N, C-alpha and C. Protein backbone atom coordinates (compact mmCIF):
# COMPACT_ATOMS: atom_id res chain seq x y z
N MET A 1 -93.04 -12.96 -5.67
CA MET A 1 -91.66 -13.03 -6.11
C MET A 1 -90.76 -12.74 -4.91
N SER A 2 -89.81 -13.61 -4.65
CA SER A 2 -88.92 -13.41 -3.51
C SER A 2 -87.70 -12.60 -3.93
N GLN A 3 -87.13 -11.91 -2.94
CA GLN A 3 -85.95 -11.09 -3.20
C GLN A 3 -84.69 -11.87 -2.87
N THR A 4 -83.65 -11.70 -3.69
CA THR A 4 -82.36 -12.25 -3.36
C THR A 4 -81.65 -11.26 -2.47
N SER A 5 -80.54 -11.68 -1.89
CA SER A 5 -79.82 -10.78 -0.98
C SER A 5 -79.33 -9.52 -1.68
N SER A 6 -79.10 -9.58 -3.01
CA SER A 6 -78.64 -8.40 -3.73
C SER A 6 -79.79 -7.46 -4.06
N GLU A 7 -81.04 -7.90 -3.84
CA GLU A 7 -82.20 -7.08 -4.15
C GLU A 7 -82.92 -6.60 -2.89
N VAL A 8 -82.21 -6.51 -1.78
CA VAL A 8 -82.82 -6.08 -0.53
C VAL A 8 -83.34 -4.66 -0.70
N GLU A 9 -84.52 -4.43 -0.17
CA GLU A 9 -85.12 -3.11 -0.23
C GLU A 9 -84.15 -2.08 0.36
N PRO A 10 -83.93 -0.95 -0.32
CA PRO A 10 -82.96 0.04 0.17
C PRO A 10 -83.20 0.45 1.62
N ARG A 11 -84.47 0.63 2.01
CA ARG A 11 -84.77 1.04 3.39
C ARG A 11 -84.19 0.05 4.38
N MET A 12 -84.34 -1.24 4.09
CA MET A 12 -83.83 -2.26 5.01
C MET A 12 -82.31 -2.38 4.93
N LYS A 13 -81.75 -2.14 3.76
CA LYS A 13 -80.28 -2.13 3.62
C LYS A 13 -79.69 -1.06 4.52
N TYR A 14 -80.26 0.15 4.45
CA TYR A 14 -79.75 1.24 5.27
C TYR A 14 -80.02 1.01 6.76
N ALA A 15 -81.16 0.42 7.07
CA ALA A 15 -81.48 0.10 8.47
C ALA A 15 -80.45 -0.86 9.04
N SER A 16 -80.09 -1.87 8.26
CA SER A 16 -79.10 -2.85 8.71
C SER A 16 -77.72 -2.21 8.86
N MET A 17 -77.36 -1.37 7.91
CA MET A 17 -76.07 -0.67 8.00
C MET A 17 -76.01 0.18 9.26
N ALA A 18 -77.10 0.90 9.53
CA ALA A 18 -77.15 1.78 10.70
C ALA A 18 -77.08 0.96 11.99
N ALA A 19 -77.82 -0.12 12.07
CA ALA A 19 -77.82 -0.94 13.28
C ALA A 19 -76.43 -1.49 13.56
N ARG A 20 -75.74 -1.97 12.54
CA ARG A 20 -74.38 -2.49 12.72
C ARG A 20 -73.42 -1.38 13.16
N TYR A 21 -73.53 -0.23 12.50
CA TYR A 21 -72.64 0.89 12.83
C TYR A 21 -72.87 1.34 14.27
N TRP A 22 -74.13 1.55 14.64
CA TRP A 22 -74.43 2.02 15.99
C TRP A 22 -74.02 1.00 17.04
N ALA A 23 -74.23 -0.28 16.79
CA ALA A 23 -73.84 -1.31 17.76
C ALA A 23 -72.33 -1.32 17.95
N THR A 24 -71.60 -1.04 16.90
CA THR A 24 -70.14 -1.07 16.95
C THR A 24 -69.54 0.22 17.49
N TYR A 25 -69.98 1.35 16.97
CA TYR A 25 -69.32 2.62 17.24
C TYR A 25 -70.11 3.59 18.12
N LEU A 26 -71.38 3.32 18.35
CA LEU A 26 -72.21 4.21 19.17
C LEU A 26 -72.99 3.42 20.22
N PRO A 27 -72.30 2.56 20.98
CA PRO A 27 -73.03 1.70 21.93
C PRO A 27 -73.79 2.47 23.00
N SER A 28 -73.27 3.59 23.47
CA SER A 28 -73.97 4.37 24.50
C SER A 28 -75.26 4.96 23.94
N ARG A 29 -75.19 5.45 22.73
CA ARG A 29 -76.38 6.01 22.09
C ARG A 29 -77.40 4.91 21.82
N LEU A 30 -76.92 3.74 21.40
CA LEU A 30 -77.82 2.61 21.15
C LEU A 30 -78.54 2.18 22.43
N GLU A 31 -77.85 2.25 23.54
CA GLU A 31 -78.45 1.86 24.82
C GLU A 31 -79.61 2.76 25.23
N THR A 32 -79.69 3.95 24.67
CA THR A 32 -80.79 4.86 25.01
C THR A 32 -82.10 4.46 24.30
N ILE A 33 -81.99 3.56 23.32
CA ILE A 33 -83.17 3.10 22.58
C ILE A 33 -83.62 1.78 23.21
N PRO A 34 -84.84 1.71 23.74
CA PRO A 34 -85.31 0.45 24.33
C PRO A 34 -85.19 -0.70 23.32
N VAL A 35 -84.76 -1.85 23.81
CA VAL A 35 -84.51 -3.01 22.95
C VAL A 35 -85.71 -3.33 22.07
N ASP A 36 -86.91 -3.26 22.63
CA ASP A 36 -88.10 -3.62 21.85
C ASP A 36 -88.49 -2.56 20.82
N GLN A 37 -87.79 -1.42 20.80
CA GLN A 37 -88.07 -0.36 19.83
C GLN A 37 -86.96 -0.19 18.79
N ARG A 38 -85.92 -0.98 18.89
CA ARG A 38 -84.76 -0.79 18.01
C ARG A 38 -85.07 -1.10 16.55
N GLN A 39 -85.79 -2.17 16.30
CA GLN A 39 -86.10 -2.51 14.91
C GLN A 39 -86.90 -1.38 14.26
N GLU A 40 -87.89 -0.88 14.96
CA GLU A 40 -88.69 0.23 14.43
C GLU A 40 -87.83 1.48 14.23
N PHE A 41 -86.95 1.76 15.19
CA PHE A 41 -86.07 2.93 15.10
C PHE A 41 -85.19 2.85 13.85
N PHE A 42 -84.52 1.70 13.65
CA PHE A 42 -83.60 1.58 12.52
C PHE A 42 -84.34 1.48 11.19
N THR A 43 -85.52 0.89 11.18
CA THR A 43 -86.32 0.86 9.96
C THR A 43 -86.71 2.28 9.56
N ASP A 44 -87.12 3.09 10.54
CA ASP A 44 -87.45 4.48 10.27
C ASP A 44 -86.22 5.27 9.81
N LEU A 45 -85.08 5.01 10.44
CA LEU A 45 -83.85 5.67 10.02
C LEU A 45 -83.51 5.29 8.59
N GLY A 46 -83.70 4.02 8.24
CA GLY A 46 -83.48 3.58 6.86
C GLY A 46 -84.38 4.32 5.89
N ARG A 47 -85.64 4.52 6.27
CA ARG A 47 -86.59 5.28 5.44
C ARG A 47 -86.11 6.71 5.24
N GLN A 48 -85.61 7.32 6.32
CA GLN A 48 -85.11 8.70 6.22
C GLN A 48 -83.92 8.78 5.27
N VAL A 49 -83.03 7.78 5.33
CA VAL A 49 -81.87 7.76 4.43
C VAL A 49 -82.35 7.66 2.98
N VAL A 50 -83.30 6.76 2.70
CA VAL A 50 -83.83 6.60 1.34
C VAL A 50 -84.39 7.93 0.83
N GLU A 51 -85.19 8.59 1.65
CA GLU A 51 -85.79 9.87 1.24
C GLU A 51 -84.73 10.92 0.97
N MET A 52 -83.72 10.98 1.83
CA MET A 52 -82.66 11.96 1.65
C MET A 52 -81.84 11.65 0.40
N VAL A 53 -81.52 10.37 0.17
CA VAL A 53 -80.78 9.98 -1.03
C VAL A 53 -81.55 10.36 -2.28
N ASP A 54 -82.83 10.07 -2.31
CA ASP A 54 -83.65 10.41 -3.48
C ASP A 54 -83.62 11.92 -3.75
N TYR A 55 -83.82 12.71 -2.71
CA TYR A 55 -83.83 14.16 -2.86
C TYR A 55 -82.46 14.68 -3.34
N LEU A 56 -81.40 14.24 -2.66
CA LEU A 56 -80.06 14.72 -3.00
C LEU A 56 -79.63 14.26 -4.39
N ALA A 57 -79.97 13.03 -4.77
CA ALA A 57 -79.59 12.53 -6.09
C ALA A 57 -80.23 13.37 -7.18
N LYS A 58 -81.50 13.69 -7.02
CA LYS A 58 -82.18 14.54 -8.01
C LYS A 58 -81.54 15.92 -8.07
N ASP A 59 -81.22 16.46 -6.90
CA ASP A 59 -80.61 17.79 -6.83
C ASP A 59 -79.21 17.76 -7.47
N ASN A 60 -78.42 16.74 -7.13
CA ASN A 60 -77.07 16.61 -7.71
C ASN A 60 -77.14 16.47 -9.22
N LEU A 61 -78.08 15.66 -9.71
CA LEU A 61 -78.20 15.44 -11.15
C LEU A 61 -78.64 16.72 -11.85
N ARG A 62 -79.59 17.40 -11.27
CA ARG A 62 -80.08 18.66 -11.86
C ARG A 62 -78.92 19.66 -11.99
N ALA A 63 -78.03 19.68 -11.03
CA ALA A 63 -76.93 20.64 -11.05
C ALA A 63 -75.82 20.24 -12.03
N SER A 64 -75.77 18.95 -12.42
CA SER A 64 -74.64 18.50 -13.24
C SER A 64 -74.99 18.18 -14.69
N THR A 65 -76.25 18.18 -15.07
CA THR A 65 -76.60 17.80 -16.44
C THR A 65 -77.03 18.99 -17.27
N ARG A 66 -76.86 18.80 -18.56
CA ARG A 66 -77.31 19.79 -19.53
C ARG A 66 -78.33 19.11 -20.45
N PRO A 67 -79.25 19.86 -21.00
CA PRO A 67 -80.30 19.26 -21.83
C PRO A 67 -79.77 18.45 -23.02
N HIS A 68 -78.62 18.79 -23.54
CA HIS A 68 -78.11 18.11 -24.74
C HIS A 68 -77.01 17.11 -24.44
N ASP A 69 -76.86 16.70 -23.18
CA ASP A 69 -75.87 15.67 -22.85
C ASP A 69 -76.25 14.36 -23.52
N PRO A 70 -75.26 13.63 -24.06
CA PRO A 70 -75.55 12.31 -24.63
C PRO A 70 -76.11 11.37 -23.56
N ALA A 71 -76.91 10.40 -23.96
CA ALA A 71 -77.56 9.47 -23.02
C ALA A 71 -76.53 8.75 -22.15
N GLU A 72 -75.42 8.34 -22.72
CA GLU A 72 -74.39 7.62 -21.95
C GLU A 72 -73.82 8.52 -20.85
N LEU A 73 -73.57 9.76 -21.17
CA LEU A 73 -73.05 10.71 -20.18
C LEU A 73 -74.08 10.96 -19.09
N THR A 74 -75.33 11.12 -19.49
CA THR A 74 -76.39 11.33 -18.51
C THR A 74 -76.51 10.14 -17.57
N ALA A 75 -76.40 8.93 -18.10
CA ALA A 75 -76.48 7.72 -17.27
C ALA A 75 -75.34 7.69 -16.26
N ARG A 76 -74.14 8.04 -16.70
CA ARG A 76 -73.00 8.09 -15.77
C ARG A 76 -73.21 9.16 -14.71
N LYS A 77 -73.72 10.30 -15.11
CA LYS A 77 -73.98 11.38 -14.15
C LYS A 77 -75.06 10.97 -13.16
N GLU A 78 -76.07 10.23 -13.61
CA GLU A 78 -77.11 9.74 -12.70
C GLU A 78 -76.50 8.83 -11.64
N ARG A 79 -75.62 7.92 -12.06
CA ARG A 79 -74.99 6.99 -11.12
C ARG A 79 -74.10 7.74 -10.13
N MET A 80 -73.34 8.70 -10.61
CA MET A 80 -72.48 9.48 -9.72
C MET A 80 -73.31 10.33 -8.76
N ALA A 81 -74.40 10.89 -9.24
CA ALA A 81 -75.29 11.68 -8.38
C ALA A 81 -75.87 10.80 -7.28
N GLN A 82 -76.25 9.58 -7.64
CA GLN A 82 -76.79 8.62 -6.66
C GLN A 82 -75.74 8.25 -5.62
N LEU A 83 -74.52 7.97 -6.05
CA LEU A 83 -73.45 7.61 -5.12
C LEU A 83 -73.10 8.76 -4.18
N ARG A 84 -73.01 9.97 -4.73
CA ARG A 84 -72.73 11.15 -3.89
C ARG A 84 -73.85 11.36 -2.88
N ALA A 85 -75.08 11.23 -3.34
CA ALA A 85 -76.23 11.42 -2.45
C ALA A 85 -76.23 10.38 -1.33
N GLU A 86 -75.94 9.14 -1.67
CA GLU A 86 -75.90 8.09 -0.66
C GLU A 86 -74.81 8.38 0.38
N GLN A 87 -73.65 8.78 -0.09
CA GLN A 87 -72.55 9.10 0.82
C GLN A 87 -72.94 10.25 1.75
N GLU A 88 -73.52 11.30 1.20
CA GLU A 88 -73.92 12.45 2.01
C GLU A 88 -74.98 12.07 3.04
N ALA A 89 -75.97 11.32 2.62
CA ALA A 89 -77.06 10.94 3.53
C ALA A 89 -76.55 10.04 4.65
N LEU A 90 -75.70 9.07 4.31
CA LEU A 90 -75.16 8.18 5.34
C LEU A 90 -74.29 8.94 6.33
N GLU A 91 -73.48 9.86 5.84
CA GLU A 91 -72.64 10.64 6.73
C GLU A 91 -73.47 11.49 7.68
N GLU A 92 -74.58 12.02 7.19
CA GLU A 92 -75.40 12.90 8.03
C GLU A 92 -76.29 12.14 9.00
N LEU A 93 -76.83 11.00 8.57
CA LEU A 93 -77.83 10.31 9.39
C LEU A 93 -77.34 9.05 10.09
N VAL A 94 -76.36 8.37 9.53
CA VAL A 94 -75.95 7.06 10.07
C VAL A 94 -74.55 7.10 10.66
N TYR A 95 -73.59 7.54 9.88
CA TYR A 95 -72.20 7.48 10.32
C TYR A 95 -71.83 8.70 11.16
N LEU A 96 -72.46 8.78 12.32
CA LEU A 96 -72.20 9.86 13.26
C LEU A 96 -70.83 9.65 13.88
N PRO A 97 -70.24 10.69 14.48
CA PRO A 97 -68.91 10.55 15.08
C PRO A 97 -68.86 9.38 16.08
N LYS A 98 -67.81 8.59 15.97
CA LYS A 98 -67.64 7.41 16.82
C LYS A 98 -67.39 7.82 18.27
N GLU A 99 -67.92 7.01 19.17
CA GLU A 99 -67.70 7.25 20.59
C GLU A 99 -66.26 6.91 20.95
N THR A 100 -65.77 7.56 21.99
CA THR A 100 -64.43 7.30 22.49
C THR A 100 -64.26 5.82 22.80
N GLY A 101 -63.14 5.27 22.39
CA GLY A 101 -62.85 3.87 22.69
C GLY A 101 -63.40 2.88 21.68
N THR A 102 -64.07 3.37 20.64
CA THR A 102 -64.64 2.44 19.66
C THR A 102 -63.96 2.54 18.30
N ARG A 103 -63.04 3.44 18.14
CA ARG A 103 -62.43 3.69 16.83
C ARG A 103 -61.74 2.47 16.22
N SER A 104 -61.16 1.61 17.02
CA SER A 104 -60.41 0.47 16.48
C SER A 104 -61.28 -0.76 16.24
N ARG A 105 -62.55 -0.69 16.58
CA ARG A 105 -63.45 -1.83 16.38
C ARG A 105 -63.74 -2.04 14.90
N GLU A 106 -64.09 -3.28 14.56
CA GLU A 106 -64.52 -3.59 13.21
C GLU A 106 -66.01 -3.89 13.23
N MET A 107 -66.72 -3.38 12.23
CA MET A 107 -68.17 -3.61 12.15
C MET A 107 -68.44 -5.05 11.73
N PRO A 108 -69.41 -5.69 12.37
CA PRO A 108 -69.80 -7.04 11.96
C PRO A 108 -70.49 -6.97 10.58
N THR A 109 -70.48 -8.08 9.88
CA THR A 109 -71.13 -8.10 8.57
C THR A 109 -72.63 -8.28 8.71
N THR A 110 -73.08 -8.87 9.81
CA THR A 110 -74.52 -9.02 10.04
C THR A 110 -74.83 -8.69 11.49
N LEU A 111 -76.08 -8.34 11.73
CA LEU A 111 -76.53 -8.04 13.09
C LEU A 111 -78.02 -8.26 13.14
N THR A 112 -78.47 -8.88 14.19
CA THR A 112 -79.92 -9.06 14.35
C THR A 112 -80.41 -8.02 15.34
N PHE A 113 -81.67 -7.65 15.22
CA PHE A 113 -82.26 -6.72 16.16
C PHE A 113 -82.60 -7.51 17.41
N GLU A 114 -81.94 -7.15 18.51
CA GLU A 114 -82.19 -7.87 19.77
C GLU A 114 -82.81 -6.97 20.79
């Protein structure tokens, strides 16, 4: 079964986001990673983001739910916990402070590992 673009594996989604962000806003840091190791680096970073999101989402949900919450409320809380966890993980692992002189740049929508 093939995946559509909306069904991209989360690890690869985060890897792509990180590669675009680093190429745009962290070019000096990106240059420290040998070109032939970048795909592996960003794939591993994507895996780390997935693991952190999973952990944080469970923790956020545990802190916000009660045993007798209605199913609809629990579903909304699960989605909010997931979104908060994703934001926290990306801020900690991917969206590092931008390098001087890159703040006004716009991130490309796609990037290949070169």
